[in-house]
All heavy atoms as atom14 arrays in JSON, in Angstrom:
{
  "sequence": "TRIQPLLATSGQFSNDTENGYYCSLITATLKNRKSLGDQLNHENL",
  "atom14_mask": [
    [1, 1, 1, 1, 1, 1, 1, 0, 0, 0, 0, 0, 0, 0],
    [1, 1, 1, 1, 1, 1, 1, 1, 1, 1, 1, 0, 0, 0],
    [1, 1, 1, 1, 1, 1, 1, 1, 0, 0, 0, 0, 0, 0],
    [1, 1, 1, 1, 1, 1, 1, 1, 1, 0, 0, 0, 0, 0],
    [1, 1, 1, 1, 1, 1, 1, 0, 0, 0, 0, 0, 0, 0],
    [1, 1, 1, 1, 1, 1, 1, 1, 0, 0, 0, 0, 0, 0],
    [1, 1, 1, 1, 1, 1, 1, 1, 0, 0, 0, 0, 0, 0],
    [1, 1, 1, 1, 1, 0, 0, 0, 0, 0, 0, 0, 0, 0],
    [1, 1, 1, 1, 1, 1, 1, 0, 0, 0, 0, 0, 0, 0],
    [1, 1, 1, 1, 1, 1, 0, 0, 0, 0, 0, 0, 0, 0],
    [1, 1, 1, 1, 0, 0, 0, 0, 0, 0, 0, 0, 0, 0],
    [1, 1, 1, 1, 1, 1, 1, 1, 1, 0, 0, 0, 0, 0],
    [1, 1, 1, 1, 1, 1, 1, 1, 1, 1, 1, 0, 0, 0],
    [1, 1, 1, 1, 1, 1, 0, 0, 0, 0, 0, 0, 0, 0],
    [1, 1, 1, 1, 1, 1, 1, 1, 0, 0, 0, 0, 0, 0],
    [1, 1, 1, 1, 1, 1, 1, 1, 0, 0, 0, 0, 0, 0],
    [1, 1, 1, 1, 1, 1, 1, 0, 0, 0, 0, 0, 0, 0],
    [1, 1, 1, 1, 1, 1, 1, 1, 1, 0, 0, 0, 0, 0],
    [1, 1, 1, 1, 1, 1, 1, 1, 0, 0, 0, 0, 0, 0],
    [1, 1, 1, 1, 0, 0, 0, 0, 0, 0, 0, 0, 0, 0],
    [1, 1, 1, 1, 1, 1, 1, 1, 1, 1, 1, 1, 0, 0],
    [1, 1, 1, 1, 1, 1, 1, 1, 1, 1, 1, 1, 0, 0],
    [1, 1, 1, 1, 1, 1, 0, 0, 0, 0, 0, 0, 0, 0],
    [1, 1, 1, 1, 1, 1, 0, 0, 0, 0, 0, 0, 0, 0],
    [1, 1, 1, 1, 1, 1, 1, 1, 0, 0, 0, 0, 0, 0],
    [1, 1, 1, 1, 1, 1, 1, 1, 0, 0, 0, 0, 0, 0],
    [1, 1, 1, 1, 1, 1, 1, 0, 0, 0, 0, 0, 0, 0],
    [1, 1, 1, 1, 1, 0, 0, 0, 0, 0, 0, 0, 0, 0],
    [1, 1, 1, 1, 1, 1, 1, 0, 0, 0, 0, 0, 0, 0],
    [1, 1, 1, 1, 1, 1, 1, 1, 0, 0, 0, 0, 0, 0],
    [1, 1, 1, 1, 1, 1, 1, 1, 1, 0, 0, 0, 0, 0],
    [1, 1, 1, 1, 1, 1, 1, 1, 0, 0, 0, 0, 0, 0],
    [1, 1, 1, 1, 1, 1, 1, 1, 1, 1, 1, 0, 0, 0],
    [1, 1, 1, 1, 1, 1, 1, 1, 1, 0, 0, 0, 0, 0],
    [1, 1, 1, 1, 1, 1, 0, 0, 0, 0, 0, 0, 0, 0],
    [1, 1, 1, 1, 1, 1, 1, 1, 0, 0, 0, 0, 0, 0],
    [1, 1, 1, 1, 0, 0, 0, 0, 0, 0, 0, 0, 0, 0],
    [1, 1, 1, 1, 1, 1, 1, 1, 0, 0, 0, 0, 0, 0],
    [1, 1, 1, 1, 1, 1, 1, 1, 1, 0, 0, 0, 0, 0],
    [1, 1, 1, 1, 1, 1, 1, 1, 0, 0, 0, 0, 0, 0],
    [1, 1, 1, 1, 1, 1, 1, 1, 0, 0, 0, 0, 0, 0],
    [1, 1, 1, 1, 1, 1, 1, 1, 1, 1, 0, 0, 0, 0],
    [1, 1, 1, 1, 1, 1, 1, 1, 1, 0, 0, 0, 0, 0],
    [1, 1, 1, 1, 1, 1, 1, 1, 0, 0, 0, 0, 0, 0],
    [1, 1, 1, 1, 1, 1, 1, 1, 0, 0, 0, 0, 0, 0]
  ],
  "atom14_positions": [
    [[-13.74, 6.78, -23.67], [-13.42, 8.08, -24.26], [-14.69, 8.91, -24.3], [-14.58, 10.07, -23.98], [-12.98, 7.92, -25.74], [-11.93, 7.02, -25.73], [-12.64, 9.28, -26.33], [0.0, 0.0, 0.0], [0.0, 0.0, 0.0], [0.0, 0.0, 0.0], [0.0, 0.0, 0.0], [0.0, 0.0, 0.0], [0.0, 0.0, 0.0], [0.0, 0.0, 0.0]],
    [[-15.85, 8.22, -24.33], [-17.21, 9.0, -24.2], [-17.47, 9.21, -22.74], [-18.09, 10.37, -22.48], [-18.24, 8.03, -24.85], [-18.15, 8.01, -26.34], [-18.49, 9.24, -27.07], [-18.47, 9.09, -28.46], [-19.67, 8.78, -29.22], [-20.86, 8.7, -28.57], [-19.71, 8.76, -30.57], [0.0, 0.0, 0.0], [0.0, 0.0, 0.0], [0.0, 0.0, 0.0]],
    [[-17.19, 8.41, -21.89], [-17.53, 8.68, -20.45], [-16.61, 9.73, -19.7], [-17.07, 10.54, -19.06], [-17.41, 7.31, -19.57], [-18.48, 6.45, -20.1], [-17.48, 7.62, -18.26], [-18.4, 5.06, -19.34], [0.0, 0.0, 0.0], [0.0, 0.0, 0.0], [0.0, 0.0, 0.0], [0.0, 0.0, 0.0], [0.0, 0.0, 0.0], [0.0, 0.0, 0.0]],
    [[-15.35, 9.81, -20.32], [-14.45, 10.79, -19.6], [-15.0, 12.2, -19.62], [-14.85, 12.76, -18.51], [-13.09, 10.73, -20.34], [-12.07, 11.71, -19.78], [-11.81, 11.53, -18.36], [-11.79, 10.47, -17.89], [-11.34, 12.48, -17.73], [0.0, 0.0, 0.0], [0.0, 0.0, 0.0], [0.0, 0.0, 0.0], [0.0, 0.0, 0.0], [0.0, 0.0, 0.0]],
    [[-15.4, 12.72, -20.69], [-15.9, 14.2, -20.55], [-17.12, 14.34, -19.63], [-17.3, 15.41, -18.86], [-16.41, 14.45, -21.94], [-15.63, 13.51, -22.86], [-15.53, 12.31, -22.01], [0.0, 0.0, 0.0], [0.0, 0.0, 0.0], [0.0, 0.0, 0.0], [0.0, 0.0, 0.0], [0.0, 0.0, 0.0], [0.0, 0.0, 0.0], [0.0, 0.0, 0.0]],
    [[-17.99, 13.3, -19.32], [-19.06, 13.25, -18.49], [-18.5, 13.4, -17.06], [-19.07, 14.09, -16.22], [-20.0, 12.26, -18.71], [-20.66, 12.02, -20.14], [-21.43, 10.76, -20.14], [-21.37, 13.24, -20.41], [0.0, 0.0, 0.0], [0.0, 0.0, 0.0], [0.0, 0.0, 0.0], [0.0, 0.0, 0.0], [0.0, 0.0, 0.0], [0.0, 0.0, 0.0]],
    [[-17.55, 12.65, -16.7], [-16.95, 12.64, -15.46], [-16.21, 13.91, -15.1], [-16.3, 14.46, -14.08], [-16.03, 11.44, -15.32], [-16.52, 10.11, -15.27], [-15.32, 9.01, -15.28], [-17.48, 9.84, -14.17], [0.0, 0.0, 0.0], [0.0, 0.0, 0.0], [0.0, 0.0, 0.0], [0.0, 0.0, 0.0], [0.0, 0.0, 0.0], [0.0, 0.0, 0.0]],
    [[-15.58, 14.53, -16.15], [-14.85, 15.86, -15.96], [-16.01, 16.85, -15.61], [-15.79, 17.69, -14.87], [-14.06, 16.19, -17.21], [0.0, 0.0, 0.0], [0.0, 0.0, 0.0], [0.0, 0.0, 0.0], [0.0, 0.0, 0.0], [0.0, 0.0, 0.0], [0.0, 0.0, 0.0], [0.0, 0.0, 0.0], [0.0, 0.0, 0.0], [0.0, 0.0, 0.0]],
    [[-17.19, 16.81, -16.4], [-18.28, 17.78, -16.05], [-18.75, 17.59, -14.72], [-19.12, 18.66, -14.07], [-19.31, 17.48, -17.05], [-18.84, 17.62, -18.44], [-20.51, 18.48, -16.99], [0.0, 0.0, 0.0], [0.0, 0.0, 0.0], [0.0, 0.0, 0.0], [0.0, 0.0, 0.0], [0.0, 0.0, 0.0], [0.0, 0.0, 0.0], [0.0, 0.0, 0.0]],
    [[-18.8, 16.33, -14.17], [-19.34, 16.04, -12.87], [-18.4, 16.6, -11.71], [-18.87, 16.58, -10.66], [-19.59, 14.71, -12.68], [-18.44, 13.93, -12.69], [0.0, 0.0, 0.0], [0.0, 0.0, 0.0], [0.0, 0.0, 0.0], [0.0, 0.0, 0.0], [0.0, 0.0, 0.0], [0.0, 0.0, 0.0], [0.0, 0.0, 0.0], [0.0, 0.0, 0.0]],
    [[-17.12, 16.93, -12.11], [-16.22, 17.39, -11.15], [-15.21, 16.4, -10.57], [-14.4, 16.61, -9.84], [0.0, 0.0, 0.0], [0.0, 0.0, 0.0], [0.0, 0.0, 0.0], [0.0, 0.0, 0.0], [0.0, 0.0, 0.0], [0.0, 0.0, 0.0], [0.0, 0.0, 0.0], [0.0, 0.0, 0.0], [0.0, 0.0, 0.0], [0.0, 0.0, 0.0]],
    [[-15.48, 15.09, -10.94], [-14.55, 14.2, -10.48], [-13.15, 14.25, -10.99], [-12.1, 14.07, -10.31], [-14.95, 12.62, -10.86], [-14.05, 11.59, -10.31], [-14.75, 10.17, -10.55], [-15.79, 10.09, -11.04], [-13.94, 9.24, -10.25], [0.0, 0.0, 0.0], [0.0, 0.0, 0.0], [0.0, 0.0, 0.0], [0.0, 0.0, 0.0], [0.0, 0.0, 0.0]],
    [[-12.95, 14.75, -12.3], [-11.75, 15.07, -12.86], [-11.79, 16.39, -13.41], [-12.69, 16.9, -14.11], [-11.44, 13.96, -13.93], [-11.39, 12.55, -13.5], [-12.4, 11.69, -13.92], [-10.35, 12.09, -12.86], [-12.36, 10.46, -13.45], [-10.26, 10.74, -12.29], [-11.27, 9.95, -12.72], [0.0, 0.0, 0.0], [0.0, 0.0, 0.0], [0.0, 0.0, 0.0]],
    [[-10.66, 17.11, -13.44], [-10.58, 18.41, -13.96], [-9.63, 18.37, -15.15], [-8.79, 17.37, -15.31], [-9.96, 19.51, -12.85], [-8.71, 18.97, -12.52], [0.0, 0.0, 0.0], [0.0, 0.0, 0.0], [0.0, 0.0, 0.0], [0.0, 0.0, 0.0], [0.0, 0.0, 0.0], [0.0, 0.0, 0.0], [0.0, 0.0, 0.0], [0.0, 0.0, 0.0]],
    [[-9.7, 19.42, -16.06], [-8.93, 19.33, -17.21], [-7.34, 19.45, -16.99], [-6.64, 18.89, -17.77], [-9.27, 20.62, -18.08], [-10.75, 20.5, -18.51], [-11.15, 19.41, -18.85], [-11.3, 21.58, -18.85], [0.0, 0.0, 0.0], [0.0, 0.0, 0.0], [0.0, 0.0, 0.0], [0.0, 0.0, 0.0], [0.0, 0.0, 0.0], [0.0, 0.0, 0.0]],
    [[-6.98, 19.87, -15.85], [-5.6, 20.04, -15.56], [-4.82, 18.67, -15.04], [-3.72, 18.64, -14.72], [-5.29, 21.13, -14.57], [-6.07, 20.87, -13.16], [-6.91, 19.99, -13.24], [-5.6, 21.55, -12.26], [0.0, 0.0, 0.0], [0.0, 0.0, 0.0], [0.0, 0.0, 0.0], [0.0, 0.0, 0.0], [0.0, 0.0, 0.0], [0.0, 0.0, 0.0]],
    [[-5.84, 17.66, -14.9], [-5.3, 16.38, -14.53], [-5.32, 15.3, -15.64], [-5.03, 14.22, -15.29], [-6.13, 15.81, -13.19], [-7.48, 15.76, -13.76], [-6.05, 16.8, -12.14], [0.0, 0.0, 0.0], [0.0, 0.0, 0.0], [0.0, 0.0, 0.0], [0.0, 0.0, 0.0], [0.0, 0.0, 0.0], [0.0, 0.0, 0.0], [0.0, 0.0, 0.0]],
    [[-5.72, 15.78, -16.74], [-5.84, 14.73, -17.94], [-4.48, 14.04, -18.18], [-4.49, 12.93, -18.63], [-6.32, 15.37, -19.14], [-7.88, 15.75, -19.02], [-8.44, 16.42, -20.22], [-7.65, 16.49, -21.14], [-9.59, 16.52, -20.3], [0.0, 0.0, 0.0], [0.0, 0.0, 0.0], [0.0, 0.0, 0.0], [0.0, 0.0, 0.0], [0.0, 0.0, 0.0]],
    [[-3.31, 14.83, -17.91], [-1.99, 14.23, -18.29], [-1.49, 13.63, -17.11], [-0.39, 13.08, -17.2], [-1.14, 15.5, -18.78], [-1.43, 16.02, -20.02], [-2.03, 15.43, -20.85], [-1.28, 17.38, -20.08], [0.0, 0.0, 0.0], [0.0, 0.0, 0.0], [0.0, 0.0, 0.0], [0.0, 0.0, 0.0], [0.0, 0.0, 0.0], [0.0, 0.0, 0.0]],
    [[-2.24, 13.48, -15.93], [-1.78, 12.7, -14.84], [-1.41, 13.51, -13.69], [-1.13, 14.65, -13.84], [0.0, 0.0, 0.0], [0.0, 0.0, 0.0], [0.0, 0.0, 0.0], [0.0, 0.0, 0.0], [0.0, 0.0, 0.0], [0.0, 0.0, 0.0], [0.0, 0.0, 0.0], [0.0, 0.0, 0.0], [0.0, 0.0, 0.0], [0.0, 0.0, 0.0]],
    [[-1.39, 12.99, -12.56], [-1.02, 13.72, -11.35], [-0.59, 12.72, -10.26], [-0.78, 11.49, -10.47], [-2.16, 14.57, -10.64], [-3.37, 13.77, -10.46], [-3.64, 12.93, -9.34], [-4.36, 13.7, -11.42], [-4.69, 12.18, -9.06], [-5.63, 13.07, -11.15], [-5.69, 12.22, -10.12], [-6.81, 11.47, -9.96], [0.0, 0.0, 0.0], [0.0, 0.0, 0.0]],
    [[0.24, 13.17, -9.22], [0.83, 12.44, -8.28], [-0.24, 12.32, -7.11], [-0.6, 13.26, -6.6], [2.11, 12.99, -7.71], [2.94, 11.86, -7.02], [3.58, 10.76, -7.67], [2.93, 11.8, -5.65], [4.32, 9.79, -7.01], [3.65, 10.85, -5.02], [4.32, 9.95, -5.64], [5.06, 8.9, -4.87], [0.0, 0.0, 0.0], [0.0, 0.0, 0.0]],
    [[-0.54, 11.06, -6.71], [-1.57, 10.79, -5.8], [-1.03, 9.98, -4.64], [-0.39, 8.94, -4.94], [-2.8, 10.3, -6.48], [-4.17, 9.91, -5.34], [0.0, 0.0, 0.0], [0.0, 0.0, 0.0], [0.0, 0.0, 0.0], [0.0, 0.0, 0.0], [0.0, 0.0, 0.0], [0.0, 0.0, 0.0], [0.0, 0.0, 0.0], [0.0, 0.0, 0.0]],
    [[-1.41, 10.41, -3.4], [-1.12, 9.57, -2.21], [-2.46, 9.18, -1.59], [-3.2, 10.05, -1.13], [-0.2, 10.47, -1.23], [1.01, 10.7, -1.72], [0.0, 0.0, 0.0], [0.0, 0.0, 0.0], [0.0, 0.0, 0.0], [0.0, 0.0, 0.0], [0.0, 0.0, 0.0], [0.0, 0.0, 0.0], [0.0, 0.0, 0.0], [0.0, 0.0, 0.0]],
    [[-2.51, 7.82, -1.44], [-3.69, 7.35, -0.77], [-3.47, 7.05, 0.69], [-2.48, 6.37, 1.08], [-4.17, 6.08, -1.56], [-5.36, 5.28, -0.86], [-6.58, 6.01, -1.15], [-5.46, 3.85, -1.34], [0.0, 0.0, 0.0], [0.0, 0.0, 0.0], [0.0, 0.0, 0.0], [0.0, 0.0, 0.0], [0.0, 0.0, 0.0], [0.0, 0.0, 0.0]],
    [[-4.23, 7.64, 1.47], [-4.04, 7.44, 2.96], [-5.16, 6.65, 3.56], [-6.32, 6.94, 3.27], [-4.02, 8.78, 3.65], [-2.89, 9.58, 3.11], [-3.92, 8.66, 5.13], [-2.94, 11.12, 3.34], [0.0, 0.0, 0.0], [0.0, 0.0, 0.0], [0.0, 0.0, 0.0], [0.0, 0.0, 0.0], [0.0, 0.0, 0.0], [0.0, 0.0, 0.0]],
    [[-4.8, 5.61, 4.2], [-5.76, 4.59, 4.66], [-5.65, 4.48, 6.26], [-4.52, 4.34, 6.74], [-5.56, 3.27, 4.17], [-5.72, 3.21, 2.69], [-6.7, 2.19, 4.64], [0.0, 0.0, 0.0], [0.0, 0.0, 0.0], [0.0, 0.0, 0.0], [0.0, 0.0, 0.0], [0.0, 0.0, 0.0], [0.0, 0.0, 0.0], [0.0, 0.0, 0.0]],
    [[-6.79, 4.71, 6.96], [-6.83, 4.57, 8.46], [-7.7, 3.33, 8.66], [-8.79, 3.25, 8.29], [-7.56, 5.78, 9.0], [0.0, 0.0, 0.0], [0.0, 0.0, 0.0], [0.0, 0.0, 0.0], [0.0, 0.0, 0.0], [0.0, 0.0, 0.0], [0.0, 0.0, 0.0], [0.0, 0.0, 0.0], [0.0, 0.0, 0.0], [0.0, 0.0, 0.0]],
    [[-6.96, 2.33, 9.25], [-7.54, 1.04, 9.53], [-7.88, 0.93, 10.97], [-6.95, 1.09, 11.88], [-6.64, -0.09, 9.12], [-6.3, 0.13, 7.72], [-7.24, -1.51, 9.39], [0.0, 0.0, 0.0], [0.0, 0.0, 0.0], [0.0, 0.0, 0.0], [0.0, 0.0, 0.0], [0.0, 0.0, 0.0], [0.0, 0.0, 0.0], [0.0, 0.0, 0.0]],
    [[-9.15, 0.73, 11.3], [-9.58, 0.54, 12.73], [-9.43, -0.94, 13.11], [-10.29, -1.8, 12.75], [-11.09, 1.02, 12.9], [-11.65, 1.0, 14.26], [-10.91, 1.8, 15.29], [-13.12, 1.37, 14.19], [0.0, 0.0, 0.0], [0.0, 0.0, 0.0], [0.0, 0.0, 0.0], [0.0, 0.0, 0.0], [0.0, 0.0, 0.0], [0.0, 0.0, 0.0]],
    [[-8.33, -1.21, 13.79], [-8.0, -2.65, 14.0], [-8.87, -3.34, 15.03], [-9.1, -4.52, 14.93], [-6.54, -2.76, 14.47], [-5.44, -2.32, 13.37], [-4.07, -2.58, 13.88], [-3.83, -4.0, 13.95], [-3.62, -4.52, 12.52], [0.0, 0.0, 0.0], [0.0, 0.0, 0.0], [0.0, 0.0, 0.0], [0.0, 0.0, 0.0], [0.0, 0.0, 0.0]],
    [[-9.57, -2.52, 15.93], [-10.36, -3.19, 17.07], [-11.83, -2.9, 16.61], [-12.72, -2.67, 17.51], [-10.05, -2.66, 18.31], [-10.23, -1.02, 18.47], [-10.16, -0.31, 17.44], [-10.59, -0.65, 19.65], [0.0, 0.0, 0.0], [0.0, 0.0, 0.0], [0.0, 0.0, 0.0], [0.0, 0.0, 0.0], [0.0, 0.0, 0.0], [0.0, 0.0, 0.0]],
    [[-12.14, -2.86, 15.4], [-13.51, -2.63, 14.86], [-14.47, -3.73, 15.31], [-15.63, -3.3, 15.83], [-13.56, -2.63, 13.35], [-14.93, -2.61, 12.66], [-15.8, -1.42, 13.0], [-17.04, -1.44, 12.34], [-18.16, -2.0, 12.92], [-18.07, -2.64, 14.05], [-19.36, -1.92, 12.17], [0.0, 0.0, 0.0], [0.0, 0.0, 0.0], [0.0, 0.0, 0.0]],
    [[-14.04, -5.06, 15.42], [-14.98, -6.04, 15.86], [-15.27, -5.94, 17.28], [-16.39, -6.04, 17.94], [-14.35, -7.32, 15.47], [-15.21, -8.6, 15.84], [-14.57, -9.8, 15.44], [-15.5, -11.09, 15.69], [-16.0, -11.17, 17.1], [0.0, 0.0, 0.0], [0.0, 0.0, 0.0], [0.0, 0.0, 0.0], [0.0, 0.0, 0.0], [0.0, 0.0, 0.0]],
    [[-14.15, -5.72, 18.17], [-14.33, -5.57, 19.55], [-15.22, -4.42, 20.0], [-16.02, -4.38, 20.94], [-12.97, -5.42, 20.22], [-12.27, -4.29, 19.91], [0.0, 0.0, 0.0], [0.0, 0.0, 0.0], [0.0, 0.0, 0.0], [0.0, 0.0, 0.0], [0.0, 0.0, 0.0], [0.0, 0.0, 0.0], [0.0, 0.0, 0.0], [0.0, 0.0, 0.0]],
    [[-15.12, -3.32, 19.12], [-16.01, -2.17, 19.42], [-17.39, -2.39, 19.16], [-18.39, -2.02, 19.95], [-15.6, -0.9, 18.65], [-14.35, -0.13, 18.92], [-13.94, 0.82, 17.9], [-14.35, 0.49, 20.33], [0.0, 0.0, 0.0], [0.0, 0.0, 0.0], [0.0, 0.0, 0.0], [0.0, 0.0, 0.0], [0.0, 0.0, 0.0], [0.0, 0.0, 0.0]],
    [[-17.69, -3.24, 18.15], [-19.02, -3.7, 17.83], [-19.59, -4.58, 18.96], [-20.84, -4.63, 19.27], [0.0, 0.0, 0.0], [0.0, 0.0, 0.0], [0.0, 0.0, 0.0], [0.0, 0.0, 0.0], [0.0, 0.0, 0.0], [0.0, 0.0, 0.0], [0.0, 0.0, 0.0], [0.0, 0.0, 0.0], [0.0, 0.0, 0.0], [0.0, 0.0, 0.0]],
    [[-18.71, -5.38, 19.68], [-19.11, -6.16, 20.84], [-19.38, -5.38, 21.97], [-20.35, -5.71, 22.84], [-18.21, -7.25, 21.0], [-17.93, -8.31, 19.93], [-18.82, -8.38, 19.02], [-16.76, -8.77, 19.79], [0.0, 0.0, 0.0], [0.0, 0.0, 0.0], [0.0, 0.0, 0.0], [0.0, 0.0, 0.0], [0.0, 0.0, 0.0], [0.0, 0.0, 0.0]],
    [[-18.64, -4.27, 22.26], [-18.7, -3.46, 23.43], [-19.76, -2.44, 23.46], [-20.45, -2.18, 24.47], [-17.28, -2.7, 23.66], [-16.2, -3.5, 23.95], [-14.88, -2.74, 23.86], [-14.93, -1.48, 23.96], [-13.78, -3.54, 23.88], [0.0, 0.0, 0.0], [0.0, 0.0, 0.0], [0.0, 0.0, 0.0], [0.0, 0.0, 0.0], [0.0, 0.0, 0.0]],
    [[-20.15, -1.86, 22.18], [-21.18, -0.84, 22.05], [-22.34, -1.33, 21.5], [-22.35, -2.15, 20.61], [-20.57, 0.41, 21.42], [-19.18, 1.0, 21.91], [-18.68, 2.0, 20.88], [-19.35, 1.62, 23.21], [0.0, 0.0, 0.0], [0.0, 0.0, 0.0], [0.0, 0.0, 0.0], [0.0, 0.0, 0.0], [0.0, 0.0, 0.0], [0.0, 0.0, 0.0]],
    [[-23.51, -0.87, 21.91], [-24.68, -1.15, 21.18], [-24.71, -0.37, 19.82], [-23.85, 0.52, 19.6], [-25.95, -0.69, 22.04], [-25.98, 0.7, 22.44], [-25.65, 1.68, 21.69], [-26.53, 0.94, 23.74], [0.0, 0.0, 0.0], [0.0, 0.0, 0.0], [0.0, 0.0, 0.0], [0.0, 0.0, 0.0], [0.0, 0.0, 0.0], [0.0, 0.0, 0.0]],
    [[-25.74, -0.57, 19.14], [-25.82, 0.06, 17.71], [-25.93, 1.56, 17.74], [-25.23, 2.23, 16.92], [-27.11, -0.61, 16.99], [-27.28, 0.02, 15.54], [-26.42, -0.39, 14.54], [-28.15, 0.9, 15.1], [-26.71, 0.17, 13.36], [-27.73, 1.06, 13.65], [0.0, 0.0, 0.0], [0.0, 0.0, 0.0], [0.0, 0.0, 0.0], [0.0, 0.0, 0.0]],
    [[-26.66, 2.06, 18.64], [-26.76, 3.52, 18.75], [-25.48, 4.27, 18.95], [-25.06, 5.21, 18.39], [-27.99, 3.88, 19.73], [-28.23, 5.42, 19.81], [-29.36, 5.76, 20.79], [-29.89, 4.73, 21.19], [-29.56, 6.9, 21.11], [0.0, 0.0, 0.0], [0.0, 0.0, 0.0], [0.0, 0.0, 0.0], [0.0, 0.0, 0.0], [0.0, 0.0, 0.0]],
    [[-24.78, 3.72, 20.05], [-23.52, 4.3, 20.52], [-22.48, 4.07, 19.45], [-21.56, 4.98, 19.22], [-23.15, 3.77, 21.84], [-23.97, 4.21, 23.0], [-24.52, 5.18, 22.92], [-23.99, 3.37, 24.03], [0.0, 0.0, 0.0], [0.0, 0.0, 0.0], [0.0, 0.0, 0.0], [0.0, 0.0, 0.0], [0.0, 0.0, 0.0], [0.0, 0.0, 0.0]],
    [[-22.54, 2.97, 18.76], [-21.55, 2.79, 17.77], [-21.73, 3.76, 16.63], [-20.75, 4.25, 16.02], [-21.63, 1.29, 17.24], [-20.55, 0.73, 16.22], [-19.21, 0.79, 17.03], [-20.88, -0.65, 15.86], [0.0, 0.0, 0.0], [0.0, 0.0, 0.0], [0.0, 0.0, 0.0], [0.0, 0.0, 0.0], [0.0, 0.0, 0.0], [0.0, 0.0, 0.0]]
  ]
}
């Protein structure tokens, strides 16, 4: 309860979302991440 106003002040939460909102989390998964690390050097990666 004490932390919540501090987060709202920081901009993470706004007053209009205190009662809840509908959120969709979108995740992009790079399935060939390991093979890219093997193919490319650190700078190009």
